[in-house]
Amino acid sequence: MVYIYMLPAAFLAPVLHEWVKALTSTLLGDPTPRNHGYLSPNPLKYFEPIGFMFVLLFGFGWGRPVPTGALHYKNRKVGVVITYTVPVVFSLLLGVASLIGASILTARVYGPVMDINMFFLLVNFPLWEPNLHLAGIILLSHFALININLAIFNLLPVYPLAANKILLLFSGPDAIAKLNHYEKPLQVILILGLAFGLAERVLMPIALRIVGLVLGAVI
């Protein structure tokens, strides 16, 4: 039953993340996203089915990476940092805003404000409930968590995630060669790591810590 509530967020969060990346790069003078059709209002342009399934199964995944051309920026290093940092910050802030919205809605409808224990129950053990208010709270909670997860996930230095792009930018020729050489093995290790507990043991506790801090501030 939990997957019914996760579906909208699992689809929309990576789509918005990649769309913001396309828009940011374009605003910095890069025609590559537009030339490849990545300023399209069609969300399917940014949809990546394997990344979507990983979000549903493990809470962490990805959208279809937007191609960018760093040579088009006035300042290549600054442009790359901005292009790949802005979507991460956007996803984090969108997650925080959704979490605050879910907490406010909970307080208005049910009285008690949302705490981390209530949040954990809502995203892990939701029952089908015809109450629209409760359904909205659960949907917002999932949207918040998946956006926060997406921001954290992009801090891993594996291609084509944001941290990898920024790391390559400030690496020497030897380090770049090694990172490019081990690109595919690192991707396989990351996927296997997610499948065998990396998300649950390492990444999700970080996300829930952020959730707890936000909810504590709201209270």
C-alpha atoms as a PDB file:
ATOM      1  CA  MET A   1       0.000   0.000   0.000  1.00  0.00           C
ATOM      2  CA  VAL A   2       2.923   2.367   0.680  1.00  0.00           C
ATOM      3  CA  TYR A   3       3.850   2.349  -3.015  1.00  0.00           C
ATOM      4  CA  ILE A   4       0.532   3.949  -3.968  1.00  0.00           C
ATOM      5  CA  TYR A   5       1.498   7.026  -1.986  1.00  0.00           C
ATOM      6  CA  MET A   6       5.095   6.965  -3.221  1.00  0.00           C
ATOM      7  CA  LEU A   7       4.252   6.876  -6.934  1.00  0.00           C
ATOM      8  CA  PRO A   8       3.562  10.610  -7.465  1.00  0.00           C
ATOM      9  CA  ALA A   9       6.641  11.702  -5.513  1.00  0.00           C
ATOM     10  CA  ALA A  10       8.904   9.044  -7.065  1.00  0.00           C
ATOM     11  CA  PHE A  11       7.920  10.313 -10.501  1.00  0.00           C
ATOM     12  CA  LEU A  12       7.808  14.053  -9.864  1.00  0.00           C
ATOM     13  CA  ALA A  13      10.842  14.696  -7.618  1.00  0.00           C
ATOM     14  CA  PRO A  14      13.545  13.497 -10.077  1.00  0.00           C
ATOM     15  CA  VAL A  15      11.706  15.192 -12.961  1.00  0.00           C
ATOM     16  CA  LEU A  16      11.753  18.553 -11.186  1.00  0.00           C
ATOM     17  CA  HIS A  17      15.390  18.082 -10.179  1.00  0.00           C
ATOM     18  CA  GLU A  18      16.513  17.518 -13.774  1.00  0.00           C
ATOM     19  CA  TRP A  19      14.267  20.263 -15.143  1.00  0.00           C
ATOM     20  CA  VAL A  20      15.846  22.768 -12.735  1.00  0.00           C
ATOM     21  CA  LYS A  21      19.283  21.604 -13.902  1.00  0.00           C
ATOM     22  CA  ALA A  22      18.281  22.174 -17.550  1.00  0.00           C
ATOM     23  CA  LEU A  23      16.883  25.616 -16.746  1.00  0.00           C
ATOM     24  CA  THR A  24      19.931  26.638 -14.689  1.00  0.00           C
ATOM     25  CA  SER A  25      22.408  25.615 -17.367  1.00  0.00           C
ATOM     26  CA  THR A  26      20.346  27.383 -20.030  1.00  0.00           C
ATOM     27  CA  LEU A  27      20.215  30.601 -18.013  1.00  0.00           C
ATOM     28  CA  LEU A  28      24.017  30.468 -17.755  1.00  0.00           C
ATOM     29  CA  GLY A  29      24.282  30.532 -21.545  1.00  0.00           C
ATOM     30  CA  ASP A  30      24.409  26.829 -22.353  1.00  0.00           C
ATOM     31  CA  PRO A  31      22.249  25.859 -25.379  1.00  0.00           C
ATOM     32  CA  THR A  32      22.832  22.104 -24.874  1.00  0.00           C
ATOM     33  CA  PRO A  33      19.693  21.322 -22.825  1.00  0.00           C
ATOM     34  CA  ARG A  34      17.478  23.241 -25.266  1.00  0.00           C
ATOM     35  CA  ASN A  35      19.148  21.632 -28.294  1.00  0.00           C
ATOM     36  CA  HIS A  36      18.440  18.189 -26.835  1.00  0.00           C
ATOM     37  CA  GLY A  37      14.834  19.053 -25.986  1.00  0.00           C
ATOM     38  CA  TYR A  38      15.349  19.261 -22.230  1.00  0.00           C
ATOM     39  CA  LEU A  39      13.362  22.438 -21.694  1.00  0.00           C
ATOM     40  CA  SER A  40      10.241  20.549 -22.679  1.00  0.00           C
ATOM     41  CA  PRO A  41       7.143  20.804 -20.454  1.00  0.00           C
ATOM     42  CA  ASN A  42       6.714  17.044 -21.028  1.00  0.00           C
ATOM     43  CA  PRO A  43       7.776  15.376 -17.739  1.00  0.00           C
ATOM     44  CA  LEU A  44       8.447  12.083 -19.534  1.00  0.00           C
ATOM     45  CA  LYS A  45      11.516  13.731 -21.079  1.00  0.00           C
ATOM     46  CA  TYR A  46      13.163  13.586 -17.652  1.00  0.00           C
ATOM     47  CA  PHE A  47      11.788  10.192 -16.603  1.00  0.00           C
ATOM     48  CA  GLU A  48      14.230   7.318 -16.152  1.00  0.00           C
ATOM     49  CA  PRO A  49      12.476   3.986 -15.417  1.00  0.00           C
ATOM     50  CA  ILE A  50      15.331   2.264 -13.560  1.00  0.00           C
ATOM     51  CA  GLY A  51      15.918   5.299 -11.358  1.00  0.00           C
ATOM     52  CA  PHE A  52      12.168   5.469 -10.739  1.00  0.00           C
ATOM     53  CA  MET A  53      12.075   1.822  -9.625  1.00  0.00           C
ATOM     54  CA  PHE A  54      15.012   2.392  -7.292  1.00  0.00           C
ATOM     55  CA  VAL A  55      13.136   5.263  -5.647  1.00  0.00           C
ATOM     56  CA  LEU A  56      10.137   3.002  -5.097  1.00  0.00           C
ATOM     57  CA  LEU A  57      12.175   0.074  -3.788  1.00  0.00           C
ATOM     58  CA  PHE A  58      14.940   1.800  -1.820  1.00  0.00           C
ATOM     59  CA  GLY A  59      13.912   5.455  -1.475  1.00  0.00           C
ATOM     60  CA  PHE A  60      16.848   6.739  -3.569  1.00  0.00           C
ATOM     61  CA  GLY A  61      17.030   7.039  -7.334  1.00  0.00           C
ATOM     62  CA  TRP A  62      17.461   9.387 -10.253  1.00  0.00           C
ATOM     63  CA  GLY A  63      15.900  10.952 -13.326  1.00  0.00           C
ATOM     64  CA  ARG A  64      17.258  11.014 -16.866  1.00  0.00           C
ATOM     65  CA  PRO A  65      20.474  13.098 -16.678  1.00  0.00           C
ATOM     66  CA  VAL A  66      20.235  16.385 -18.557  1.00  0.00           C
ATOM     67  CA  PRO A  67      23.197  16.952 -20.912  1.00  0.00           C
ATOM     68  CA  THR A  68      25.102  20.182 -20.328  1.00  0.00           C
ATOM     69  CA  GLY A  69      28.019  21.874 -22.057  1.00  0.00           C
ATOM     70  CA  ALA A  70      30.474  23.511 -19.677  1.00  0.00           C
ATOM     71  CA  LEU A  71      32.375  25.220 -22.519  1.00  0.00           C
ATOM     72  CA  HIS A  72      29.411  27.543 -23.038  1.00  0.00           C
ATOM     73  CA  TYR A  73      29.682  29.117 -19.569  1.00  0.00           C
ATOM     74  CA  LYS A  74      31.489  32.425 -19.205  1.00  0.00           C
ATOM     75  CA  ASN A  75      33.404  30.905 -16.312  1.00  0.00           C
ATOM     76  CA  ARG A  76      33.532  27.129 -16.722  1.00  0.00           C
ATOM     77  CA  LYS A  77      34.165  26.190 -13.096  1.00  0.00           C
ATOM     78  CA  VAL A  78      31.631  28.619 -11.656  1.00  0.00           C
ATOM     79  CA  GLY A  79      29.056  27.562 -14.235  1.00  0.00           C
ATOM     80  CA  VAL A  80      29.436  23.859 -13.487  1.00  0.00           C
ATOM     81  CA  VAL A  81      29.246  24.411  -9.728  1.00  0.00           C
ATOM     82  CA  ILE A  82      26.088  26.498 -10.074  1.00  0.00           C
ATOM     83  CA  THR A  83      24.450  24.154 -12.596  1.00  0.00           C
ATOM     84  CA  TYR A  84      24.890  21.093 -10.392  1.00  0.00           C
ATOM     85  CA  THR A  85      24.457  22.748  -7.001  1.00  0.00           C
ATOM     86  CA  VAL A  86      21.202  24.602  -7.687  1.00  0.00           C
ATOM     87  CA  PRO A  87      19.127  21.420  -8.355  1.00  0.00           C
ATOM     88  CA  VAL A  88      20.450  19.824  -5.152  1.00  0.00           C
ATOM     89  CA  VAL A  89      19.534  22.890  -3.105  1.00  0.00           C
ATOM     90  CA  PHE A  90      16.183  23.069  -4.891  1.00  0.00           C
ATOM     91  CA  SER A  91      15.353  19.445  -4.043  1.00  0.00           C
ATOM     92  CA  LEU A  92      16.366  19.957  -0.416  1.00  0.00           C
ATOM     93  CA  LEU A  93      14.317  23.149  -0.035  1.00  0.00           C
ATOM     94  CA  LEU A  94      11.332  21.585  -1.811  1.00  0.00           C
ATOM     95  CA  GLY A  95      11.535  18.651   0.592  1.00  0.00           C
ATOM     96  CA  VAL A  96      11.727  20.940   3.616  1.00  0.00           C
ATOM     97  CA  ALA A  97       8.805  23.061   2.367  1.00  0.00           C
ATOM     98  CA  SER A  98       6.690  19.931   1.777  1.00  0.00           C
ATOM     99  CA  LEU A  99       7.555  18.649   5.233  1.00  0.00           C
ATOM    100  CA  ILE A 100       6.533  21.934   6.843  1.00  0.00           C
ATOM    101  CA  GLY A 101       3.304  21.840   4.838  1.00  0.00           C
ATOM    102  CA  ALA A 102       2.551  18.306   6.021  1.00  0.00           C
ATOM    103  CA  SER A 103       3.259  19.305   9.626  1.00  0.00           C
ATOM    104  CA  ILE A 104       1.021  22.388   9.454  1.00  0.00           C
ATOM    105  CA  LEU A 105      -1.792  20.387   7.842  1.00  0.00           C
ATOM    106  CA  THR A 106      -1.468  17.730  10.555  1.00  0.00           C
ATOM    107  CA  ALA A 107      -1.737  20.337  13.307  1.00  0.00           C
ATOM    108  CA  ARG A 108      -4.765  22.042  11.746  1.00  0.00           C
ATOM    109  CA  VAL A 109      -6.700  18.845  11.085  1.00  0.00           C
ATOM    110  CA  TYR A 110      -5.730  16.624  14.012  1.00  0.00           C
ATOM    111  CA  GLY A 111      -4.421  18.982  16.689  1.00  0.00           C
ATOM    112  CA  PRO A 112      -1.016  17.470  17.549  1.00  0.00           C
ATOM    113  CA  VAL A 113       1.885  18.621  15.409  1.00  0.00           C
ATOM    114  CA  MET A 114       3.832  16.041  13.449  1.00  0.00           C
ATOM    115  CA  ASP A 115       6.960  14.636  15.083  1.00  0.00           C
ATOM    116  CA  ILE A 116       9.563  12.230  13.713  1.00  0.00           C
ATOM    117  CA  ASN A 117       7.754   9.174  15.075  1.00  0.00           C
ATOM    118  CA  MET A 118       4.486  10.138  13.382  1.00  0.00           C
ATOM    119  CA  PHE A 119       6.362  10.912  10.168  1.00  0.00           C
ATOM    120  CA  PHE A 120       8.065   7.503  10.243  1.00  0.00           C
ATOM    121  CA  LEU A 121       4.720   5.738  10.629  1.00  0.00           C
ATOM    122  CA  LEU A 122       3.103   7.743   7.843  1.00  0.00           C
ATOM    123  CA  VAL A 123       5.785   6.969   5.266  1.00  0.00           C
ATOM    124  CA  ASN A 124       6.317   3.332   6.202  1.00  0.00           C
ATOM    125  CA  PHE A 125       2.928   1.975   7.254  1.00  0.00           C
ATOM    126  CA  PRO A 126       0.177   4.035   5.577  1.00  0.00           C
ATOM    127  CA  LEU A 127      -3.220   2.391   5.193  1.00  0.00           C
ATOM    128  CA  TRP A 128      -5.628   3.221   2.417  1.00  0.00           C
ATOM    129  CA  GLU A 129      -7.691   5.992   3.917  1.00  0.00           C
ATOM    130  CA  PRO A 130     -10.615   7.757   2.224  1.00  0.00           C
ATOM    131  CA  ASN A 131      -9.951  10.820   4.385  1.00  0.00           C
ATOM    132  CA  LEU A 132      -8.542  13.380   1.944  1.00  0.00           C
ATOM    133  CA  HIS A 133      -6.730  15.312   4.661  1.00  0.00           C
ATOM    134  CA  LEU A 134      -4.810  12.253   5.831  1.00  0.00           C
ATOM    135  CA  ALA A 135      -4.090  11.183   2.264  1.00  0.00           C
ATOM    136  CA  GLY A 136      -2.723  14.663   1.557  1.00  0.00           C
ATOM    137  CA  ILE A 137      -0.497  14.538   4.633  1.00  0.00           C
ATOM    138  CA  ILE A 138       0.901  11.147   3.602  1.00  0.00           C
ATOM    139  CA  LEU A 139       1.516  12.289   0.019  1.00  0.00           C
ATOM    140  CA  LEU A 140       3.279  15.452   1.213  1.00  0.00           C
ATOM    141  CA  SER A 141       5.373  13.398   3.631  1.00  0.00           C
ATOM    142  CA  HIS A 142       6.548  11.078   0.859  1.00  0.00           C
ATOM    143  CA  PHE A 143       7.246  14.011  -1.442  1.00  0.00           C
ATOM    144  CA  ALA A 144       9.292  15.643   1.310  1.00  0.00           C
ATOM    145  CA  LEU A 145      11.347  12.535   2.048  1.00  0.00           C
ATOM    146  CA  ILE A 146      12.064  11.665  -1.585  1.00  0.00           C
ATOM    147  CA  ASN A 147      13.201  15.200  -2.370  1.00  0.00           C
ATOM    148  CA  ILE A 148      15.492  15.216   0.668  1.00  0.00           C
ATOM    149  CA  ASN A 149      16.775  11.771  -0.361  1.00  0.00           C
ATOM    150  CA  LEU A 150      17.461  13.065  -3.863  1.00  0.00           C
ATOM    151  CA  ALA A 151      19.537  15.948  -2.522  1.00  0.00           C
ATOM    152  CA  ILE A 152      21.594  13.578  -0.350  1.00  0.00           C
ATOM    153  CA  PHE A 153      21.983  11.029  -3.148  1.00  0.00           C
ATOM    154  CA  ASN A 154      23.510  13.650  -5.438  1.00  0.00           C
ATOM    155  CA  LEU A 155      26.288  14.238  -2.916  1.00  0.00           C
ATOM    156  CA  LEU A 156      27.759  10.824  -3.779  1.00  0.00           C
ATOM    157  CA  PRO A 157      30.781  11.203  -6.106  1.00  0.00           C
ATOM    158  CA  VAL A 158      29.530   8.768  -8.757  1.00  0.00           C
ATOM    159  CA  TYR A 159      28.805   9.733 -12.371  1.00  0.00           C
ATOM    160  CA  PRO A 160      26.470  11.403 -13.356  1.00  0.00           C
ATOM    161  CA  LEU A 161      25.542  12.711  -9.903  1.00  0.00           C
ATOM    162  CA  ALA A 162      26.261  16.321  -8.951  1.00  0.00           C
ATOM    163  CA  ALA A 163      29.187  15.634  -6.622  1.00  0.00           C
ATOM    164  CA  ASN A 164      31.013  13.706  -9.351  1.00  0.00           C
ATOM    165  CA  LYS A 165      30.696  16.601 -11.816  1.00  0.00           C
ATOM    166  CA  ILE A 166      32.054  19.072  -9.269  1.00  0.00           C
ATOM    167  CA  LEU A 167      34.812  16.689  -8.112  1.00  0.00           C
ATOM    168  CA  LEU A 168      36.051  16.228 -11.693  1.00  0.00           C
ATOM    169  CA  LEU A 169      36.153  19.990 -12.083  1.00  0.00           C
ATOM    170  CA  PHE A 170      38.693  20.412  -9.278  1.00  0.00           C
ATOM    171  CA  SER A 171      40.711  17.228  -9.890  1.00  0.00           C
ATOM    172  CA  GLY A 172      44.075  16.908 -11.597  1.00  0.00           C
ATOM    173  CA  PRO A 173      44.588  14.992 -14.851  1.00  0.00           C
ATOM    174  CA  ASP A 174      45.584  11.747 -13.110  1.00  0.00           C
ATOM    175  CA  ALA A 175      42.571  11.811 -10.785  1.00  0.00           C
ATOM    176  CA  ILE A 176      40.242  12.581 -13.703  1.00  0.00           C
ATOM    177  CA  ALA A 177      41.672   9.661 -15.660  1.00  0.00           C
ATOM    178  CA  LYS A 178      41.138   7.313 -12.718  1.00  0.00           C
ATOM    179  CA  LEU A 179      37.595   8.524 -12.090  1.00  0.00           C
ATOM    180  CA  ASN A 180      36.727   8.093 -15.758  1.00  0.00           C
ATOM    181  CA  HIS A 181      38.351   4.646 -15.814  1.00  0.00           C
ATOM    182  CA  TYR A 182      36.338   3.443 -12.822  1.00  0.00           C
ATOM    183  CA  GLU A 183      33.104   5.191 -13.845  1.00  0.00           C
ATOM    184  CA  LYS A 184      31.171   2.038 -14.751  1.00  0.00           C
ATOM    185  CA  PRO A 185      32.438  -0.097 -11.824  1.00  0.00           C
ATOM    186  CA  LEU A 186      31.512   2.688  -9.395  1.00  0.00           C
ATOM    187  CA  GLN A 187      28.015   2.856 -10.867  1.00  0.00           C
ATOM    188  CA  VAL A 188      27.623  -0.912 -10.441  1.00  0.00           C
ATOM    189  CA  ILE A 189      28.911  -0.721  -6.868  1.00  0.00           C
ATOM    190  CA  LEU A 190      26.454   2.087  -6.098  1.00  0.00           C
ATOM    191  CA  ILE A 191      23.489   0.184  -7.536  1.00  0.00           C
ATOM    192  CA  LEU A 192      24.455  -2.992  -5.683  1.00  0.00           C
ATOM    193  CA  GLY A 193      25.040  -0.938  -2.548  1.00  0.00           C
ATOM    194  CA  LEU A 194      21.522   0.481  -2.723  1.00  0.00           C
ATOM    195  CA  ALA A 195      20.088  -2.987  -3.301  1.00  0.00           C
ATOM    196  CA  PHE A 196      21.993  -4.482  -0.367  1.00  0.00           C
ATOM    197  CA  GLY A 197      21.519  -1.895   2.354  1.00  0.00           C
ATOM    198  CA  LEU A 198      23.417   1.318   1.584  1.00  0.00           C
ATOM    199  CA  ALA A 199      20.166   3.292   1.487  1.00  0.00           C
ATOM    200  CA  GLU A 200      18.774   1.814   4.686  1.00  0.00           C
ATOM    201  CA  ARG A 201      21.968   1.840   6.746  1.00  0.00           C
ATOM    202  CA  VAL A 202      23.763   4.982   5.590  1.00  0.00           C
ATOM    203  CA  LEU A 203      21.654   7.356   3.504  1.00  0.00           C
ATOM    204  CA  MET A 204      18.207   7.055   5.069  1.00  0.00           C
ATOM    205  CA  PRO A 205      19.409   7.835   8.627  1.00  0.00           C
ATOM    206  CA  ILE A 206      20.876  11.088   7.269  1.00  0.00           C
ATOM    207  CA  ALA A 207      17.580  11.964   5.598  1.00  0.00           C
ATOM    208  CA  LEU A 208      15.579  11.158   8.720  1.00  0.00           C
ATOM    209  CA  ARG A 209      17.970  13.274  10.774  1.00  0.00           C
ATOM    210  CA  ILE A 210      17.176  16.233   8.504  1.00  0.00           C
ATOM    211  CA  VAL A 211      13.468  15.449   8.818  1.00  0.00           C
ATOM    212  CA  GLY A 212      13.773  15.404  12.599  1.00  0.00           C
ATOM    213  CA  LEU A 213      15.593  18.743  12.657  1.00  0.00           C
ATOM    214  CA  VAL A 214      12.959  20.377  10.445  1.00  0.00           C
ATOM    215  CA  LEU A 215      10.050  18.993  12.455  1.00  0.00           C
ATOM    216  CA  GLY A 216      11.756  20.026  15.677  1.00  0.00           C
ATOM    217  CA  ALA A 217      12.093  23.564  14.347  1.00  0.00           C
ATOM    218  CA  VAL A 218       8.419  23.639  13.313  1.00  0.00           C
ATOM    219  CA  ILE A 219       7.344  22.502  16.768  1.00  0.00           C
END
